[in-house]
Amino acid sequence: MGNFRFYRRLHIFPGLSVNLSKSGPSLTVGVRGAHLTMGPSGVRRTVGIPGTGIYYTSHSGYQSGVHSAHVDTPISPEQQQCAHSVGGWLALAAIVGIALVIGIAIGSAGH
């Protein structure tokens, strides 16, 4: 059985794009062949040889209290989902903030 996927990339300007997917928003900075993507699940660094399909990627996840702290009582699926949702909203706020700062800097440089 298949599953439904959603993905959309919005190019803000060369070297910066906002990605929207079912798992949450992310921000990609870089050029073809080397870029950094920051999103709700962490930071992904990708370097490759354009046009060859050869690339290397590494991933660093964000640490939250729910996943990194040692607790004596089990965490319910509802608590895990809540923590993931909060992380997604924080990532979205960070992405929007970064995009605004970059947009203001570009606008100021043009004057």
PDB file of N, CA and C in Angstrom:
ATOM      1  N   MET A   1       0.832  -1.171   0.000  1.00  0.00           N
ATOM      2  CA  MET A   1       0.000   0.000   0.000  1.00  0.00           C
ATOM      3  C   MET A   1       0.885   1.246   0.000  1.00  0.00           C
ATOM      4  N   GLY A   2       0.544   2.232  -0.784  1.00  0.00           N
ATOM      5  CA  GLY A   2       1.324   3.467  -0.888  1.00  0.00           C
ATOM      6  C   GLY A   2       0.961   4.459   0.189  1.00  0.00           C
ATOM      7  N   ASN A   3       1.691   5.546   0.204  1.00  0.00           N
ATOM      8  CA  ASN A   3       1.369   6.609   1.137  1.00  0.00           C
ATOM      9  C   ASN A   3       1.416   7.957   0.418  1.00  0.00           C
ATOM     10  N   PHE A   4       0.742   8.928   0.970  1.00  0.00           N
ATOM     11  CA  PHE A   4       0.647  10.246   0.378  1.00  0.00           C
ATOM     12  C   PHE A   4       1.825  11.095   0.821  1.00  0.00           C
ATOM     13  N   ARG A   5       2.436  11.805  -0.117  1.00  0.00           N
ATOM     14  CA  ARG A   5       3.542  12.701   0.201  1.00  0.00           C
ATOM     15  C   ARG A   5       3.244  14.084  -0.349  1.00  0.00           C
ATOM     16  N   PHE A   6       3.755  15.104   0.345  1.00  0.00           N
ATOM     17  CA  PHE A   6       3.590  16.479  -0.094  1.00  0.00           C
ATOM     18  C   PHE A   6       4.925  17.186   0.060  1.00  0.00           C
ATOM     19  N   TYR A   7       5.327  17.959  -0.953  1.00  0.00           N
ATOM     20  CA  TYR A   7       6.579  18.696  -0.897  1.00  0.00           C
ATOM     21  C   TYR A   7       6.492  19.880  -1.843  1.00  0.00           C
ATOM     22  N   ARG A   8       6.902  21.035  -1.387  1.00  0.00           N
ATOM     23  CA  ARG A   8       6.917  22.226  -2.232  1.00  0.00           C
ATOM     24  C   ARG A   8       8.110  23.078  -1.836  1.00  0.00           C
ATOM     25  N   ARG A   9       8.885  23.536  -2.817  1.00  0.00           N
ATOM     26  CA  ARG A   9      10.045  24.400  -2.569  1.00  0.00           C
ATOM     27  C   ARG A   9       9.749  25.785  -3.125  1.00  0.00           C
ATOM     28  N   LEU A  10       9.923  26.803  -2.282  1.00  0.00           N
ATOM     29  CA  LEU A  10       9.726  28.187  -2.690  1.00  0.00           C
ATOM     30  C   LEU A  10      11.084  28.881  -2.699  1.00  0.00           C
ATOM     31  N   HIS A  11      11.532  29.314  -3.871  1.00  0.00           N
ATOM     32  CA  HIS A  11      12.825  29.990  -3.993  1.00  0.00           C
ATOM     33  C   HIS A  11      12.660  31.454  -3.599  1.00  0.00           C
ATOM     34  N   ILE A  12      13.304  31.862  -2.517  1.00  0.00           N
ATOM     35  CA  ILE A  12      13.233  33.242  -2.044  1.00  0.00           C
ATOM     36  C   ILE A  12      14.129  34.113  -2.924  1.00  0.00           C
ATOM     37  N   PHE A  13      15.356  33.709  -3.107  1.00  0.00           N
ATOM     38  CA  PHE A  13      16.309  34.288  -4.054  1.00  0.00           C
ATOM     39  C   PHE A  13      17.416  33.262  -4.227  1.00  0.00           C
ATOM     40  N   PRO A  14      18.326  33.460  -5.187  1.00  0.00           N
ATOM     41  CA  PRO A  14      19.360  32.442  -5.412  1.00  0.00           C
ATOM     42  C   PRO A  14      20.131  32.110  -4.127  1.00  0.00           C
ATOM     43  N   GLY A  15      20.160  30.840  -3.816  1.00  0.00           N
ATOM     44  CA  GLY A  15      20.883  30.379  -2.640  1.00  0.00           C
ATOM     45  C   GLY A  15      20.038  30.238  -1.391  1.00  0.00           C
ATOM     46  N   LEU A  16      18.749  30.619  -1.448  1.00  0.00           N
ATOM     47  CA  LEU A  16      17.889  30.505  -0.282  1.00  0.00           C
ATOM     48  C   LEU A  16      16.509  30.056  -0.712  1.00  0.00           C
ATOM     49  N   SER A  17      16.010  28.984  -0.100  1.00  0.00           N
ATOM     50  CA  SER A  17      14.655  28.527  -0.398  1.00  0.00           C
ATOM     51  C   SER A  17      13.996  27.994   0.863  1.00  0.00           C
ATOM     52  N   VAL A  18      12.670  28.092   0.883  1.00  0.00           N
ATOM     53  CA  VAL A  18      11.855  27.554   1.958  1.00  0.00           C
ATOM     54  C   VAL A  18      11.177  26.312   1.412  1.00  0.00           C
ATOM     55  N   ASN A  19      11.252  25.222   2.147  1.00  0.00           N
ATOM     56  CA  ASN A  19      10.667  23.952   1.733  1.00  0.00           C
ATOM     57  C   ASN A  19       9.475  23.651   2.633  1.00  0.00           C
ATOM     58  N   LEU A  20       8.374  23.255   2.031  1.00  0.00           N
ATOM     59  CA  LEU A  20       7.175  22.908   2.783  1.00  0.00           C
ATOM     60  C   LEU A  20       6.853  21.444   2.526  1.00  0.00           C
ATOM     61  N   SER A  21       6.624  20.683   3.585  1.00  0.00           N
ATOM     62  CA  SER A  21       6.275  19.278   3.437  1.00  0.00           C
ATOM     63  C   SER A  21       5.372  18.857   4.577  1.00  0.00           C
ATOM     64  N   LYS A  22       4.912  17.631   4.497  1.00  0.00           N
ATOM     65  CA  LYS A  22       4.041  17.072   5.526  1.00  0.00           C
ATOM     66  C   LYS A  22       4.729  17.065   6.894  1.00  0.00           C
ATOM     67  N   SER A  23       6.045  16.887   6.907  1.00  0.00           N
ATOM     68  CA  SER A  23       6.766  16.817   8.177  1.00  0.00           C
ATOM     69  C   SER A  23       7.102  18.185   8.752  1.00  0.00           C
ATOM     70  N   GLY A  24       6.841  19.270   8.008  1.00  0.00           N
ATOM     71  CA  GLY A  24       7.084  20.616   8.522  1.00  0.00           C
ATOM     72  C   GLY A  24       7.943  21.441   7.587  1.00  0.00           C
ATOM     73  N   PRO A  25       8.059  22.740   7.860  1.00  0.00           N
ATOM     74  CA  PRO A  25       8.843  23.630   7.004  1.00  0.00           C
ATOM     75  C   PRO A  25      10.333  23.505   7.272  1.00  0.00           C
ATOM     76  N   SER A  26      11.138  23.820   6.270  1.00  0.00           N
ATOM     77  CA  SER A  26      12.583  23.854   6.444  1.00  0.00           C
ATOM     78  C   SER A  26      13.157  24.958   5.576  1.00  0.00           C
ATOM     79  N   LEU A  27      14.381  25.342   5.856  1.00  0.00           N
ATOM     80  CA  LEU A  27      15.072  26.395   5.134  1.00  0.00           C
ATOM     81  C   LEU A  27      16.347  25.810   4.549  1.00  0.00           C
ATOM     82  N   THR A  28      16.568  26.018   3.243  1.00  0.00           N
ATOM     83  CA  THR A  28      17.776  25.527   2.595  1.00  0.00           C
ATOM     84  C   THR A  28      18.616  26.709   2.147  1.00  0.00           C
ATOM     85  N   VAL A  29      19.914  26.682   2.512  1.00  0.00           N
ATOM     86  CA  VAL A  29      20.857  27.721   2.146  1.00  0.00           C
ATOM     87  C   VAL A  29      22.013  27.047   1.440  1.00  0.00           C
ATOM     88  N   GLY A  30      22.417  27.585   0.286  1.00  0.00           N
ATOM     89  CA  GLY A  30      23.561  27.027  -0.414  1.00  0.00           C
ATOM     90  C   GLY A  30      23.384  27.071  -1.910  1.00  0.00           C
ATOM     91  N   VAL A  31      24.287  26.403  -2.592  1.00  0.00           N
ATOM     92  CA  VAL A  31      24.295  26.369  -4.048  1.00  0.00           C
ATOM     93  C   VAL A  31      24.185  24.929  -4.513  1.00  0.00           C
ATOM     94  N   ARG A  32      23.988  24.768  -5.808  1.00  0.00           N
ATOM     95  CA  ARG A  32      23.927  23.426  -6.369  1.00  0.00           C
ATOM     96  C   ARG A  32      25.238  22.702  -6.056  1.00  0.00           C
ATOM     97  N   GLY A  33      25.121  21.566  -5.439  1.00  0.00           N
ATOM     98  CA  GLY A  33      26.307  20.794  -5.086  1.00  0.00           C
ATOM     99  C   GLY A  33      26.700  20.894  -3.624  1.00  0.00           C
ATOM    100  N   ALA A  34      26.247  21.940  -2.929  1.00  0.00           N
ATOM    101  CA  ALA A  34      26.570  22.083  -1.509  1.00  0.00           C
ATOM    102  C   ALA A  34      25.510  22.943  -0.844  1.00  0.00           C
ATOM    103  N   HIS A  35      24.760  22.359   0.078  1.00  0.00           N
ATOM    104  CA  HIS A  35      23.750  23.139   0.776  1.00  0.00           C
ATOM    105  C   HIS A  35      23.505  22.609   2.184  1.00  0.00           C
ATOM    106  N   LEU A  36      22.864  23.455   2.971  1.00  0.00           N
ATOM    107  CA  LEU A  36      22.543  23.184   4.362  1.00  0.00           C
ATOM    108  C   LEU A  36      21.040  23.363   4.516  1.00  0.00           C
ATOM    109  N   THR A  37      20.363  22.372   5.091  1.00  0.00           N
ATOM    110  CA  THR A  37      18.919  22.444   5.296  1.00  0.00           C
ATOM    111  C   THR A  37      18.617  22.355   6.781  1.00  0.00           C
ATOM    112  N   MET A  38      17.874  23.351   7.300  1.00  0.00           N
ATOM    113  CA  MET A  38      17.494  23.397   8.705  1.00  0.00           C
ATOM    114  C   MET A  38      15.985  23.247   8.803  1.00  0.00           C
ATOM    115  N   GLY A  39      15.521  22.288   9.592  1.00  0.00           N
ATOM    116  CA  GLY A  39      14.087  22.060   9.725  1.00  0.00           C
ATOM    117  C   GLY A  39      13.735  21.458  11.064  1.00  0.00           C
ATOM    118  N   PRO A  40      12.489  21.003  11.206  1.00  0.00           N
ATOM    119  CA  PRO A  40      12.024  20.489  12.491  1.00  0.00           C
ATOM    120  C   PRO A  40      12.787  19.257  12.977  1.00  0.00           C
ATOM    121  N   SER A  41      13.352  18.491  12.068  1.00  0.00           N
ATOM    122  CA  SER A  41      14.044  17.277  12.490  1.00  0.00           C
ATOM    123  C   SER A  41      15.546  17.483  12.682  1.00  0.00           C
ATOM    124  N   GLY A  42      16.052  18.686  12.428  1.00  0.00           N
ATOM    125  CA  GLY A  42      17.468  18.957  12.630  1.00  0.00           C
ATOM    126  C   GLY A  42      18.100  19.649  11.445  1.00  0.00           C
ATOM    127  N   VAL A  43      19.421  19.508  11.347  1.00  0.00           N
ATOM    128  CA  VAL A  43      20.202  20.148  10.290  1.00  0.00           C
ATOM    129  C   VAL A  43      20.810  19.072   9.407  1.00  0.00           C
ATOM    130  N   ARG A  44      20.649  19.218   8.100  1.00  0.00           N
ATOM    131  CA  ARG A  44      21.199  18.277   7.140  1.00  0.00           C
ATOM    132  C   ARG A  44      22.195  19.019   6.242  1.00  0.00           C
ATOM    133  N   ARG A  45      23.420  18.488   6.142  1.00  0.00           N
ATOM    134  CA  ARG A  45      24.449  19.058   5.275  1.00  0.00           C
ATOM    135  C   ARG A  45      24.655  18.113   4.099  1.00  0.00           C
ATOM    136  N   THR A  46      24.611  18.678   2.880  1.00  0.00           N
ATOM    137  CA  THR A  46      24.752  17.854   1.681  1.00  0.00           C
ATOM    138  C   THR A  46      25.798  18.451   0.760  1.00  0.00           C
ATOM    139  N   VAL A  47      26.725  17.598   0.311  1.00  0.00           N
ATOM    140  CA  VAL A  47      27.755  17.994  -0.647  1.00  0.00           C
ATOM    141  C   VAL A  47      27.787  16.925  -1.728  1.00  0.00           C
ATOM    142  N   GLY A  48      27.845  17.354  -3.004  1.00  0.00           N
ATOM    143  CA  GLY A  48      27.857  16.376  -4.075  1.00  0.00           C
ATOM    144  C   GLY A  48      28.456  16.915  -5.349  1.00  0.00           C
ATOM    145  N   ILE A  49      28.497  16.061  -6.352  1.00  0.00           N
ATOM    146  CA  ILE A  49      28.981  16.429  -7.680  1.00  0.00           C
ATOM    147  C   ILE A  49      27.746  16.571  -8.569  1.00  0.00           C
ATOM    148  N   PRO A  50      27.379  17.821  -8.922  1.00  0.00           N
ATOM    149  CA  PRO A  50      26.157  18.041  -9.698  1.00  0.00           C
ATOM    150  C   PRO A  50      26.124  17.229 -10.994  1.00  0.00           C
ATOM    151  N   GLY A  51      24.955  16.670 -11.269  1.00  0.00           N
ATOM    152  CA  GLY A  51      24.751  15.916 -12.503  1.00  0.00           C
ATOM    153  C   GLY A  51      25.163  14.459 -12.455  1.00  0.00           C
ATOM    154  N   THR A  52      25.818  14.037 -11.358  1.00  0.00           N
ATOM    155  CA  THR A  52      26.293  12.653 -11.281  1.00  0.00           C
ATOM    156  C   THR A  52      25.421  11.774 -10.389  1.00  0.00           C
ATOM    157  N   GLY A  53      24.688  12.382  -9.489  1.00  0.00           N
ATOM    158  CA  GLY A  53      23.923  11.615  -8.515  1.00  0.00           C
ATOM    159  C   GLY A  53      24.772  11.176  -7.342  1.00  0.00           C
ATOM    160  N   ILE A  54      26.042  11.592  -7.314  1.00  0.00           N
ATOM    161  CA  ILE A  54      26.940  11.240  -6.223  1.00  0.00           C
ATOM    162  C   ILE A  54      26.921  12.381  -5.210  1.00  0.00           C
ATOM    163  N   TYR A  55      26.580  12.060  -3.975  1.00  0.00           N
ATOM    164  CA  TYR A  55      26.552  13.076  -2.945  1.00  0.00           C
ATOM    165  C   TYR A  55      26.772  12.447  -1.581  1.00  0.00           C
ATOM    166  N   TYR A  56      27.134  13.277  -0.630  1.00  0.00           N
ATOM    167  CA  TYR A  56      27.307  12.847   0.754  1.00  0.00           C
ATOM    168  C   TYR A  56      26.419  13.739   1.608  1.00  0.00           C
ATOM    169  N   THR A  57      25.715  13.161   2.548  1.00  0.00           N
ATOM    170  CA  THR A  57      24.862  13.946   3.425  1.00  0.00           C
ATOM    171  C   THR A  57      25.060  13.508   4.869  1.00  0.00           C
ATOM    172  N   SER A  58      25.008  14.471   5.779  1.00  0.00           N
ATOM    173  CA  SER A  58      25.072  14.160   7.208  1.00  0.00           C
ATOM    174  C   SER A  58      23.929  14.889   7.889  1.00  0.00           C
ATOM    175  N   HIS A  59      23.473  14.344   8.997  1.00  0.00           N
ATOM    176  CA  HIS A  59      22.302  14.877   9.687  1.00  0.00           C
ATOM    177  C   HIS A  59      22.590  15.009  11.168  1.00  0.00           C
ATOM    178  N   SER A  60      22.215  16.144  11.745  1.00  0.00           N
ATOM    179  CA  SER A  60      22.300  16.368  13.186  1.00  0.00           C
ATOM    180  C   SER A  60      20.914  16.713  13.674  1.00  0.00           C
ATOM    181  N   GLY A  61      20.360  15.908  14.567  1.00  0.00           N
ATOM    182  CA  GLY A  61      19.014  16.158  15.079  1.00  0.00           C
ATOM    183  C   GLY A  61      19.030  17.135  16.232  1.00  0.00           C
ATOM    184  N   TYR A  62      17.914  17.812  16.417  1.00  0.00           N
ATOM    185  CA  TYR A  62      17.763  18.697  17.560  1.00  0.00           C
ATOM    186  C   TYR A  62      17.497  17.846  18.790  1.00  0.00           C
ATOM    187  N   GLN A  63      17.999  18.270  19.918  1.00  0.00           N
ATOM    188  CA  GLN A  63      17.764  17.560  21.172  1.00  0.00           C
ATOM    189  C   GLN A  63      16.705  18.307  21.959  1.00  0.00           C
ATOM    190  N   SER A  64      15.652  17.630  22.316  1.00  0.00           N
ATOM    191  CA  SER A  64      14.628  18.238  23.167  1.00  0.00           C
ATOM    192  C   SER A  64      14.574  17.459  24.461  1.00  0.00           C
ATOM    193  N   GLY A  65      13.961  18.033  25.459  1.00  0.00           N
ATOM    194  CA  GLY A  65      13.853  17.361  26.745  1.00  0.00           C
ATOM    195  C   GLY A  65      13.136  16.031  26.644  1.00  0.00           C
ATOM    196  N   VAL A  66      12.183  15.916  25.729  1.00  0.00           N
ATOM    197  CA  VAL A  66      11.407  14.684  25.599  1.00  0.00           C
ATOM    198  C   VAL A  66      12.293  13.541  25.117  1.00  0.00           C
ATOM    199  N   HIS A  67      13.204  13.833  24.205  1.00  0.00           N
ATOM    200  CA  HIS A  67      14.000  12.763  23.602  1.00  0.00           C
ATOM    201  C   HIS A  67      15.353  12.566  24.280  1.00  0.00           C
ATOM    202  N   SER A  68      15.912  13.610  24.890  1.00  0.00           N
ATOM    203  CA  SER A  68      17.261  13.487  25.409  1.00  0.00           C
ATOM    204  C   SER A  68      17.329  13.276  26.917  1.00  0.00           C
ATOM    205  N   ALA A  69      16.289  13.619  27.645  1.00  0.00           N
ATOM    206  CA  ALA A  69      16.325  13.490  29.102  1.00  0.00           C
ATOM    207  C   ALA A  69      15.971  12.068  29.517  1.00  0.00           C
ATOM    208  N   HIS A  70      16.603  11.626  30.571  1.00  0.00           N
ATOM    209  CA  HIS A  70      16.267  10.317  31.129  1.00  0.00           C
ATOM    210  C   HIS A  70      15.092  10.518  32.087  1.00  0.00           C
ATOM    211  N   VAL A  71      14.034   9.786  31.857  1.00  0.00           N
ATOM    212  CA  VAL A  71      12.857   9.894  32.723  1.00  0.00           C
ATOM    213  C   VAL A  71      12.507   8.519  33.242  1.00  0.00           C
ATOM    214  N   ASP A  72      11.934   8.491  34.438  1.00  0.00           N
ATOM    215  CA  ASP A  72      11.559   7.221  35.045  1.00  0.00           C
ATOM    216  C   ASP A  72      10.222   6.705  34.535  1.00  0.00           C
ATOM    217  N   THR A  73       9.357   7.604  34.091  1.00  0.00           N
ATOM    218  CA  THR A  73       8.053   7.192  33.593  1.00  0.00           C
ATOM    219  C   THR A  73       8.034   7.299  32.080  1.00  0.00           C
ATOM    220  N   PRO A  74       7.353   6.386  31.419  1.00  0.00           N
ATOM    221  CA  PRO A  74       7.304   6.441  29.963  1.00  0.00           C
ATOM    222  C   PRO A  74       6.544   7.682  29.480  1.00  0.00           C
ATOM    223  N   ILE A  75       6.904   8.157  28.301  1.00  0.00           N
ATOM    224  CA  ILE A  75       6.260   9.317  27.698  1.00  0.00           C
ATOM    225  C   ILE A  75       5.174   8.817  26.761  1.00  0.00           C
ATOM    226  N   SER A  76       4.008   9.395  26.911  1.00  0.00           N
ATOM    227  CA  SER A  76       2.876   8.960  26.087  1.00  0.00           C
ATOM    228  C   SER A  76       3.040   9.437  24.655  1.00  0.00           C
ATOM    229  N   PRO A  77       2.413   8.762  23.694  1.00  0.00           N
ATOM    230  CA  PRO A  77       2.462   9.211  22.298  1.00  0.00           C
ATOM    231  C   PRO A  77       1.928  10.637  22.138  1.00  0.00           C
ATOM    232  N   GLU A  78       0.948  11.028  22.961  1.00  0.00           N
ATOM    233  CA  GLU A  78       0.408  12.393  22.887  1.00  0.00           C
ATOM    234  C   GLU A  78       1.469  13.410  23.280  1.00  0.00           C
ATOM    235  N   GLN A  79       2.266  13.099  24.324  1.00  0.00           N
ATOM    236  CA  GLN A  79       3.331  14.004  24.751  1.00  0.00           C
ATOM    237  C   GLN A  79       4.417  14.098  23.687  1.00  0.00           C
ATOM    238  N   GLN A  80       4.750  12.975  23.050  1.00  0.00           N
ATOM    239  CA  GLN A  80       5.749  12.987  21.989  1.00  0.00           C
ATOM    240  C   GLN A  80       5.270  13.818  20.805  1.00  0.00           C
ATOM    241  N   GLN A  81       3.987  13.661  20.434  1.00  0.00           N
ATOM    242  CA  GLN A  81       3.426  14.423  19.314  1.00  0.00           C
ATOM    243  C   GLN A  81       3.418  15.908  19.638  1.00  0.00           C
ATOM    244  N   CYS A  82       3.083  16.264  20.866  1.00  0.00           N
ATOM    245  CA  CYS A  82       3.062  17.664  21.288  1.00  0.00           C
ATOM    246  C   CYS A  82       4.464  18.267  21.176  1.00  0.00           C
ATOM    247  N   ALA A  83       5.481  17.534  21.647  1.00  0.00           N
ATOM    248  CA  ALA A  83       6.860  18.022  21.571  1.00  0.00           C
ATOM    249  C   ALA A  83       7.285  18.196  20.124  1.00  0.00           C
ATOM    250  N   HIS A  84       6.899  17.267  19.244  1.00  0.00           N
ATOM    251  CA  HIS A  84       7.245  17.375  17.827  1.00  0.00           C
ATOM    252  C   HIS A  84       6.556  18.585  17.199  1.00  0.00           C
ATOM    253  N   SER A  85       5.291  18.821  17.560  1.00  0.00           N
ATOM    254  CA  SER A  85       4.549  19.966  17.021  1.00  0.00           C
ATOM    255  C   SER A  85       5.185  21.275  17.452  1.00  0.00           C
ATOM    256  N   VAL A  86       5.575  21.379  18.721  1.00  0.00           N
ATOM    257  CA  VAL A  86       6.219  22.591  19.215  1.00  0.00           C
ATOM    258  C   VAL A  86       7.532  22.811  18.473  1.00  0.00           C
ATOM    259  N   GLY A  87       8.293  21.740  18.258  1.00  0.00           N
ATOM    260  CA  GLY A  87       9.545  21.853  17.502  1.00  0.00           C
ATOM    261  C   GLY A  87       9.309  22.346  16.091  1.00  0.00           C
ATOM    262  N   GLY A  88       8.241  21.876  15.462  1.00  0.00           N
ATOM    263  CA  GLY A  88       7.911  22.317  14.100  1.00  0.00           C
ATOM    264  C   GLY A  88       7.576  23.794  14.059  1.00  0.00           C
ATOM    265  N   TRP A  89       6.810  24.267  15.051  1.00  0.00           N
ATOM    266  CA  TRP A  89       6.457  25.691  15.086  1.00  0.00           C
ATOM    267  C   TRP A  89       7.679  26.549  15.380  1.00  0.00           C
ATOM    268  N   LEU A  90       8.563  26.076  16.252  1.00  0.00           N
ATOM    269  CA  LEU A  90       9.789  26.829  16.525  1.00  0.00           C
ATOM    270  C   LEU A  90      10.663  26.902  15.279  1.00  0.00           C
ATOM    271  N   ALA A  91      10.746  25.805  14.534  1.00  0.00           N
ATOM    272  CA  ALA A  91      11.525  25.807  13.292  1.00  0.00           C
ATOM    273  C   ALA A  91      10.911  26.771  12.290  1.00  0.00           C
ATOM    274  N   LEU A  92       9.583  26.787  12.176  1.00  0.00           N
ATOM    275  CA  LEU A  92       8.917  27.715  11.260  1.00  0.00           C
ATOM    276  C   LEU A  92       9.202  29.157  11.654  1.00  0.00           C
ATOM    277  N   ALA A  93       9.128  29.467  12.947  1.00  0.00           N
ATOM    278  CA  ALA A  93       9.405  30.826  13.413  1.00  0.00           C
ATOM    279  C   ALA A  93      10.847  31.216  13.094  1.00  0.00           C
ATOM    280  N   ALA A  94      11.788  30.294  13.282  1.00  0.00           N
ATOM    281  CA  ALA A  94      13.186  30.573  12.970  1.00  0.00           C
ATOM    282  C   ALA A  94      13.380  30.800  11.476  1.00  0.00           C
ATOM    283  N   ILE A  95      12.733  29.996  10.651  1.00  0.00           N
ATOM    284  CA  ILE A  95      12.844  30.128   9.200  1.00  0.00           C
ATOM    285  C   ILE A  95      12.293  31.469   8.734  1.00  0.00           C
ATOM    286  N   VAL A  96      11.116  31.827   9.224  1.00  0.00           N
ATOM    287  CA  VAL A  96      10.511  33.104   8.838  1.00  0.00           C
ATOM    288  C   VAL A  96      11.394  34.262   9.300  1.00  0.00           C
ATOM    289  N   GLY A  97      11.916  34.180  10.512  1.00  0.00           N
ATOM    290  CA  GLY A  97      12.805  35.227  11.028  1.00  0.00           C
ATOM    291  C   GLY A  97      14.054  35.390  10.188  1.00  0.00           C
ATOM    292  N   ILE A  98      14.686  34.286   9.838  1.00  0.00           N
ATOM    293  CA  ILE A  98      15.899  34.335   9.004  1.00  0.00           C
ATOM    294  C   ILE A  98      15.585  34.914   7.636  1.00  0.00           C
ATOM    295  N   ALA A  99      14.476  34.469   7.035  1.00  0.00           N
ATOM    296  CA  ALA A  99      14.093  34.980   5.718  1.00  0.00           C
ATOM    297  C   ALA A  99      13.824  36.484   5.780  1.00  0.00           C
ATOM    298  N   LEU A 100      13.171  36.959   6.838  1.00  0.00           N
ATOM    299  CA  LEU A 100      12.907  38.392   6.977  1.00  0.00           C
ATOM    300  C   LEU A 100      14.201  39.187   7.130  1.00  0.00           C
ATOM    301  N   VAL A 101      15.115  38.703   7.955  1.00  0.00           N
ATOM    302  CA  VAL A 101      16.387  39.405   8.157  1.00  0.00           C
ATOM    303  C   VAL A 101      17.152  39.472   6.839  1.00  0.00           C
ATOM    304  N   ILE A 102      17.211  38.383   6.108  1.00  0.00           N
ATOM    305  CA  ILE A 102      17.916  38.370   4.832  1.00  0.00           C
ATOM    306  C   ILE A 102      17.226  39.299   3.830  1.00  0.00           C
ATOM    307  N   GLY A 103      15.888  39.259   3.805  1.00  0.00           N
ATOM    308  CA  GLY A 103      15.157  40.147   2.904  1.00  0.00           C
ATOM    309  C   GLY A 103      15.386  41.603   3.215  1.00  0.00           C
ATOM    310  N   ILE A 104      15.412  41.966   4.495  1.00  0.00           N
ATOM    311  CA  ILE A 104      15.670  43.352   4.904  1.00  0.00           C
ATOM    312  C   ILE A 104      17.094  43.749   4.518  1.00  0.00           C
ATOM    313  N   ALA A 105      18.050  42.836   4.729  1.00  0.00           N
ATOM    314  CA  ALA A 105      19.446  43.132   4.375  1.00  0.00           C
ATOM    315  C   ALA A 105      19.598  43.356   2.868  1.00  0.00           C
ATOM    316  N   ILE A 106      18.929  42.554   2.075  1.00  0.00           N
ATOM    317  CA  ILE A 106      19.007  42.710   0.620  1.00  0.00           C
ATOM    318  C   ILE A 106      18.329  44.012   0.201  1.00  0.00           C
ATOM    319  N   GLY A 107      17.179  44.311   0.812  1.00  0.00           N
ATOM    320  CA  GLY A 107      16.475  45.549   0.497  1.00  0.00           C
ATOM    321  C   GLY A 107      17.302  46.769   0.864  1.00  0.00           C
ATOM    322  N   SER A 108      18.001  46.718   1.993  1.00  0.00           N
ATOM    323  CA  SER A 108      18.833  47.834   2.421  1.00  0.00           C
ATOM    324  C   SER A 108      20.053  47.995   1.526  1.00  0.00           C
ATOM    325  N   ALA A 109      20.589  46.890   1.040  1.00  0.00           N
ATOM    326  CA  ALA A 109      21.777  46.944   0.178  1.00  0.00           C
ATOM    327  C   ALA A 109      21.450  47.540  -1.183  1.00  0.00           C
ATOM    328  N   GLY A 110      20.196  47.419  -1.612  1.00  0.00           N
ATOM    329  CA  GLY A 110      19.792  47.930  -2.925  1.00  0.00           C
ATOM    330  C   GLY A 110      19.632  49.439  -2.942  1.00  0.00           C
ATOM    331  N   HIS A 111      19.583  50.087  -1.786  1.00  0.00           N
ATOM    332  CA  HIS A 111      19.357  51.549  -1.741  1.00  0.00           C
ATOM    333  C   HIS A 111      20.613  52.310  -1.719  1.00  0.00           C
TER     334      HIS A 111
END
